[in-house]
Amino acid sequence: MTQQTDSLAPEQRSITVEPMTTAADARAFKDLNLEWITELFAVEAADLVTLDHPRRIVDEGGRVLIARAGVEAAGCVALVAEGHGVFELSKMAVSPRFQGRGIGRVLLRAAIEQARALGATSLILASNSKLAPAVHLYESIGFVHVPPSELPPTPYDRADVFMRYDL
């Protein structure tokens, strides 16, 4: 699943998005996420469960996607199967060196496409208001804010933004 289309801006055309397949991809997933988490928040136990064992996401019916600029991992996102057609959009990250190039939008579109292929009926997410560019990106794609009571409980103390996207 390579995301390369003419509808993308020139700087986005060289970005590929593919499922995590190697130990290096799993390491990139962890490193990309620890970069933003440690800069803005404290690493929580739930972060390490996911970041130390991303293969579990895949084994349980989800996907971990890696965005590459050339051969370098520039970003990532996970689709965590919650059951009954619901997937959590989780651990989306773009390296600061690649931010501002639309990679987050490419990743998000690829995640939505993958979720549809997996039979998802909706995507959910928990984020933080400090991540305003990410929240704005989700809104621009069509995610809507919902009360936390409409989503499964989140293990993250930092979560204060809750959203859903119906497919």
C-alpha atoms as a PDB file:
ATOM      1  CA  MET A   1       0.000   0.000   0.000  1.00  0.00           C
ATOM      2  CA  THR A   2       2.026   2.902  -1.230  1.00  0.00           C
ATOM      3  CA  GLN A   3       0.399   6.309  -1.055  1.00  0.00           C
ATOM      4  CA  GLN A   4       1.580   8.286  -4.091  1.00  0.00           C
ATOM      5  CA  THR A   5      -0.952  10.234  -6.119  1.00  0.00           C
ATOM      6  CA  ASP A   6      -1.014  13.269  -8.344  1.00  0.00           C
ATOM      7  CA  SER A   7      -3.587  14.913  -6.051  1.00  0.00           C
ATOM      8  CA  LEU A   8      -0.862  15.456  -3.453  1.00  0.00           C
ATOM      9  CA  ALA A   9       1.273  18.573  -3.185  1.00  0.00           C
ATOM     10  CA  PRO A  10       4.753  18.173  -4.726  1.00  0.00           C
ATOM     11  CA  GLU A  11       6.462  17.736  -1.342  1.00  0.00           C
ATOM     12  CA  GLN A  12       4.004  14.951  -0.480  1.00  0.00           C
ATOM     13  CA  ARG A  13       4.439  12.948  -3.696  1.00  0.00           C
ATOM     14  CA  SER A  14       7.670  11.348  -2.563  1.00  0.00           C
ATOM     15  CA  ILE A  15       6.097  10.115   0.679  1.00  0.00           C
ATOM     16  CA  THR A  16       5.256   6.432   0.837  1.00  0.00           C
ATOM     17  CA  VAL A  17       3.090   4.849   3.519  1.00  0.00           C
ATOM     18  CA  GLU A  18       3.369   1.126   4.114  1.00  0.00           C
ATOM     19  CA  PRO A  19       2.548  -1.326   6.899  1.00  0.00           C
ATOM     20  CA  MET A  20       5.171  -2.014   9.547  1.00  0.00           C
ATOM     21  CA  THR A  21       7.018  -5.182   8.548  1.00  0.00           C
ATOM     22  CA  THR A  22      10.501  -5.109  10.081  1.00  0.00           C
ATOM     23  CA  ALA A  23      12.160  -4.651  13.444  1.00  0.00           C
ATOM     24  CA  ALA A  24      13.511  -1.344  12.100  1.00  0.00           C
ATOM     25  CA  ASP A  25       9.914  -0.224  11.390  1.00  0.00           C
ATOM     26  CA  ALA A  26       8.901  -1.170  14.948  1.00  0.00           C
ATOM     27  CA  ARG A  27      11.863   0.804  16.305  1.00  0.00           C
ATOM     28  CA  ALA A  28      10.946   3.821  14.155  1.00  0.00           C
ATOM     29  CA  PHE A  29       7.362   3.622  15.489  1.00  0.00           C
ATOM     30  CA  LYS A  30       8.679   3.743  19.055  1.00  0.00           C
ATOM     31  CA  ASP A  31      11.305   6.436  18.432  1.00  0.00           C
ATOM     32  CA  LEU A  32       8.957   8.748  16.503  1.00  0.00           C
ATOM     33  CA  ASN A  33       6.392   8.588  19.294  1.00  0.00           C
ATOM     34  CA  LEU A  34       8.825   8.935  22.183  1.00  0.00           C
ATOM     35  CA  GLU A  35      10.163  12.064  20.490  1.00  0.00           C
ATOM     36  CA  TRP A  36       6.894  14.010  20.861  1.00  0.00           C
ATOM     37  CA  ILE A  37       5.705  12.360  24.065  1.00  0.00           C
ATOM     38  CA  THR A  38       8.892  13.170  25.992  1.00  0.00           C
ATOM     39  CA  GLU A  39       8.979  16.707  24.617  1.00  0.00           C
ATOM     40  CA  LEU A  40       5.427  17.603  25.675  1.00  0.00           C
ATOM     41  CA  PHE A  41       4.321  15.079  28.298  1.00  0.00           C
ATOM     42  CA  ALA A  42       5.508  12.296  30.552  1.00  0.00           C
ATOM     43  CA  VAL A  43       5.715   8.785  29.140  1.00  0.00           C
ATOM     44  CA  GLU A  44       2.885   6.754  30.648  1.00  0.00           C
ATOM     45  CA  ALA A  45       2.805   2.999  31.275  1.00  0.00           C
ATOM     46  CA  ALA A  46       0.209   2.581  28.505  1.00  0.00           C
ATOM     47  CA  ASP A  47       2.612   4.257  26.052  1.00  0.00           C
ATOM     48  CA  LEU A  48       5.271   1.651  26.715  1.00  0.00           C
ATOM     49  CA  VAL A  49       2.847  -1.254  26.394  1.00  0.00           C
ATOM     50  CA  THR A  50       2.063  -0.091  22.858  1.00  0.00           C
ATOM     51  CA  LEU A  51       5.491   1.183  21.853  1.00  0.00           C
ATOM     52  CA  ASP A  52       7.418  -1.826  23.165  1.00  0.00           C
ATOM     53  CA  HIS A  53       5.073  -4.308  21.487  1.00  0.00           C
ATOM     54  CA  PRO A  54       3.642  -2.811  18.267  1.00  0.00           C
ATOM     55  CA  ARG A  55       3.360  -6.277  16.711  1.00  0.00           C
ATOM     56  CA  ARG A  56       0.455  -6.940  19.126  1.00  0.00           C
ATOM     57  CA  ILE A  57      -1.562  -4.270  17.317  1.00  0.00           C
ATOM     58  CA  VAL A  58      -1.176  -6.210  14.067  1.00  0.00           C
ATOM     59  CA  ASP A  59      -1.713  -9.601  15.724  1.00  0.00           C
ATOM     60  CA  GLU A  60      -5.002  -8.315  17.163  1.00  0.00           C
ATOM     61  CA  GLY A  61      -6.349  -7.170  13.788  1.00  0.00           C
ATOM     62  CA  GLY A  62      -4.962  -3.649  13.506  1.00  0.00           C
ATOM     63  CA  ARG A  63      -2.178  -1.998  11.521  1.00  0.00           C
ATOM     64  CA  VAL A  64       0.889   0.090  12.140  1.00  0.00           C
ATOM     65  CA  LEU A  65       1.731   2.328   9.194  1.00  0.00           C
ATOM     66  CA  ILE A  66       5.107   3.925   8.539  1.00  0.00           C
ATOM     67  CA  ALA A  67       5.494   7.018   6.341  1.00  0.00           C
ATOM     68  CA  ARG A  68       8.816   7.317   4.568  1.00  0.00           C
ATOM     69  CA  ALA A  69      10.512  10.247   2.900  1.00  0.00           C
ATOM     70  CA  GLY A  70      12.817   8.303   0.621  1.00  0.00           C
ATOM     71  CA  VAL A  71      14.129   5.505   2.831  1.00  0.00           C
ATOM     72  CA  GLU A  72      13.857   7.429   6.111  1.00  0.00           C
ATOM     73  CA  ALA A  73      10.933   6.874   8.504  1.00  0.00           C
ATOM     74  CA  ALA A  74       9.290  10.292   8.742  1.00  0.00           C
ATOM     75  CA  GLY A  75       6.051   9.425  10.518  1.00  0.00           C
ATOM     76  CA  CYS A  76       3.752   6.687  11.739  1.00  0.00           C
ATOM     77  CA  VAL A  77       0.254   5.886  12.920  1.00  0.00           C
ATOM     78  CA  ALA A  78      -1.510   2.860  14.391  1.00  0.00           C
ATOM     79  CA  LEU A  79      -5.001   1.495  13.890  1.00  0.00           C
ATOM     80  CA  VAL A  80      -5.914  -0.455  17.021  1.00  0.00           C
ATOM     81  CA  ALA A  81      -8.862  -2.848  16.658  1.00  0.00           C
ATOM     82  CA  GLU A  82     -11.432  -2.109  19.371  1.00  0.00           C
ATOM     83  CA  GLY A  83     -14.037  -4.586  18.087  1.00  0.00           C
ATOM     84  CA  HIS A  84     -17.388  -4.284  16.312  1.00  0.00           C
ATOM     85  CA  GLY A  85     -15.894  -2.310  13.404  1.00  0.00           C
ATOM     86  CA  VAL A  86     -14.323   0.351  15.633  1.00  0.00           C
ATOM     87  CA  PHE A  87     -10.623   1.172  15.358  1.00  0.00           C
ATOM     88  CA  GLU A  88      -8.659   3.608  17.486  1.00  0.00           C
ATOM     89  CA  LEU A  89      -6.356   5.950  15.600  1.00  0.00           C
ATOM     90  CA  SER A  90      -3.347   5.904  17.889  1.00  0.00           C
ATOM     91  CA  LYS A  91       0.259   6.975  18.158  1.00  0.00           C
ATOM     92  CA  MET A  92       0.323   9.266  15.140  1.00  0.00           C
ATOM     93  CA  ALA A  93       3.664  11.030  14.880  1.00  0.00           C
ATOM     94  CA  VAL A  94       5.686  12.997  12.362  1.00  0.00           C
ATOM     95  CA  SER A  95       9.336  13.714  13.051  1.00  0.00           C
ATOM     96  CA  PRO A  96       9.922  17.426  13.717  1.00  0.00           C
ATOM     97  CA  ARG A  97      12.407  17.380  10.826  1.00  0.00           C
ATOM     98  CA  PHE A  98       9.540  16.535   8.464  1.00  0.00           C
ATOM     99  CA  GLN A  99       6.687  18.565   9.962  1.00  0.00           C
ATOM    100  CA  GLY A 100       5.012  21.190   7.812  1.00  0.00           C
ATOM    101  CA  ARG A 101       5.190  19.071   4.654  1.00  0.00           C
ATOM    102  CA  GLY A 102       1.730  17.494   4.857  1.00  0.00           C
ATOM    103  CA  ILE A 103       2.982  14.094   5.975  1.00  0.00           C
ATOM    104  CA  GLY A 104       0.401  13.971   8.771  1.00  0.00           C
ATOM    105  CA  ARG A 105      -2.371  14.445   6.219  1.00  0.00           C
ATOM    106  CA  VAL A 106      -0.909  11.709   3.997  1.00  0.00           C
ATOM    107  CA  LEU A 107      -0.687   9.380   7.006  1.00  0.00           C
ATOM    108  CA  LEU A 108      -4.218  10.148   8.115  1.00  0.00           C
ATOM    109  CA  ARG A 109      -5.649   9.514   4.646  1.00  0.00           C
ATOM    110  CA  ALA A 110      -3.715   6.235   4.413  1.00  0.00           C
ATOM    111  CA  ALA A 111      -5.014   5.201   7.856  1.00  0.00           C
ATOM    112  CA  ILE A 112      -8.610   5.898   6.810  1.00  0.00           C
ATOM    113  CA  GLU A 113      -8.105   3.894   3.604  1.00  0.00           C
ATOM    114  CA  GLN A 114      -6.597   1.013   5.609  1.00  0.00           C
ATOM    115  CA  ALA A 115      -9.414   1.155   8.175  1.00  0.00           C
ATOM    116  CA  ARG A 116     -11.974   0.820   5.384  1.00  0.00           C
ATOM    117  CA  ALA A 117     -10.045  -2.151   3.971  1.00  0.00           C
ATOM    118  CA  LEU A 118     -10.159  -3.735   7.431  1.00  0.00           C
ATOM    119  CA  GLY A 119     -13.951  -3.326   7.538  1.00  0.00           C
ATOM    120  CA  ALA A 120     -14.046  -0.454  10.002  1.00  0.00           C
ATOM    121  CA  THR A 121     -17.270   1.462  10.503  1.00  0.00           C
ATOM    122  CA  SER A 122     -15.702   4.202  12.626  1.00  0.00           C
ATOM    123  CA  LEU A 123     -12.424   5.563  13.905  1.00  0.00           C
ATOM    124  CA  ILE A 124     -11.986   7.016  17.362  1.00  0.00           C
ATOM    125  CA  LEU A 125      -9.136   8.860  19.020  1.00  0.00           C
ATOM    126  CA  ALA A 126      -8.066  10.468  22.245  1.00  0.00           C
ATOM    127  CA  SER A 127      -5.589  13.339  22.007  1.00  0.00           C
ATOM    128  CA  ASN A 128      -4.549  16.446  23.887  1.00  0.00           C
ATOM    129  CA  SER A 129      -5.369  20.094  23.287  1.00  0.00           C
ATOM    130  CA  LYS A 130      -1.612  20.907  23.374  1.00  0.00           C
ATOM    131  CA  LEU A 131      -1.434  19.083  20.037  1.00  0.00           C
ATOM    132  CA  ALA A 132      -3.467  21.781  18.289  1.00  0.00           C
ATOM    133  CA  PRO A 133      -2.052  21.162  14.770  1.00  0.00           C
ATOM    134  CA  ALA A 134      -2.999  17.476  15.027  1.00  0.00           C
ATOM    135  CA  VAL A 135      -6.475  18.259  16.367  1.00  0.00           C
ATOM    136  CA  HIS A 136      -6.987  20.760  13.537  1.00  0.00           C
ATOM    137  CA  LEU A 137      -5.873  18.133  11.011  1.00  0.00           C
ATOM    138  CA  TYR A 138      -8.385  15.629  12.396  1.00  0.00           C
ATOM    139  CA  GLU A 139     -11.146  18.254  12.219  1.00  0.00           C
ATOM    140  CA  SER A 140     -10.227  19.157   8.622  1.00  0.00           C
ATOM    141  CA  ILE A 141     -10.591  15.511   7.572  1.00  0.00           C
ATOM    142  CA  GLY A 142     -14.001  15.212   9.248  1.00  0.00           C
ATOM    143  CA  PHE A 143     -13.398  13.912  12.759  1.00  0.00           C
ATOM    144  CA  VAL A 144     -15.936  15.339  15.216  1.00  0.00           C
ATOM    145  CA  HIS A 145     -15.515  16.058  18.911  1.00  0.00           C
ATOM    146  CA  VAL A 146     -17.468  13.760  21.219  1.00  0.00           C
ATOM    147  CA  PRO A 147     -17.776  13.510  24.989  1.00  0.00           C
ATOM    148  CA  PRO A 148     -15.313  11.008  26.480  1.00  0.00           C
ATOM    149  CA  SER A 149     -18.255   8.916  27.651  1.00  0.00           C
ATOM    150  CA  GLU A 150     -18.977   8.030  23.990  1.00  0.00           C
ATOM    151  CA  LEU A 151     -15.611   6.286  23.622  1.00  0.00           C
ATOM    152  CA  PRO A 152     -14.002   3.342  25.401  1.00  0.00           C
ATOM    153  CA  PRO A 153     -12.051   4.452  28.474  1.00  0.00           C
ATOM    154  CA  THR A 154      -8.570   5.740  27.632  1.00  0.00           C
ATOM    155  CA  PRO A 155      -5.519   4.707  29.662  1.00  0.00           C
ATOM    156  CA  TYR A 156      -3.844   8.103  29.076  1.00  0.00           C
ATOM    157  CA  ASP A 157      -3.988  10.762  31.793  1.00  0.00           C
ATOM    158  CA  ARG A 158      -3.053  13.432  29.207  1.00  0.00           C
ATOM    159  CA  ALA A 159      -6.139  12.814  27.027  1.00  0.00           C
ATOM    160  CA  ASP A 160      -8.511  15.797  26.969  1.00  0.00           C
ATOM    161  CA  VAL A 161      -9.706  15.713  23.327  1.00  0.00           C
ATOM    162  CA  PHE A 162     -11.986  12.905  22.125  1.00  0.00           C
ATOM    163  CA  MET A 163     -13.057  12.462  18.511  1.00  0.00           C
ATOM    164  CA  ARG A 164     -14.837  10.089  16.135  1.00  0.00           C
ATOM    165  CA  TYR A 165     -14.925   9.654  12.371  1.00  0.00           C
ATOM    166  CA  ASP A 166     -17.702   7.537  10.865  1.00  0.00           C
ATOM    167  CA  LEU A 167     -16.771   5.648   7.732  1.00  0.00           C
END
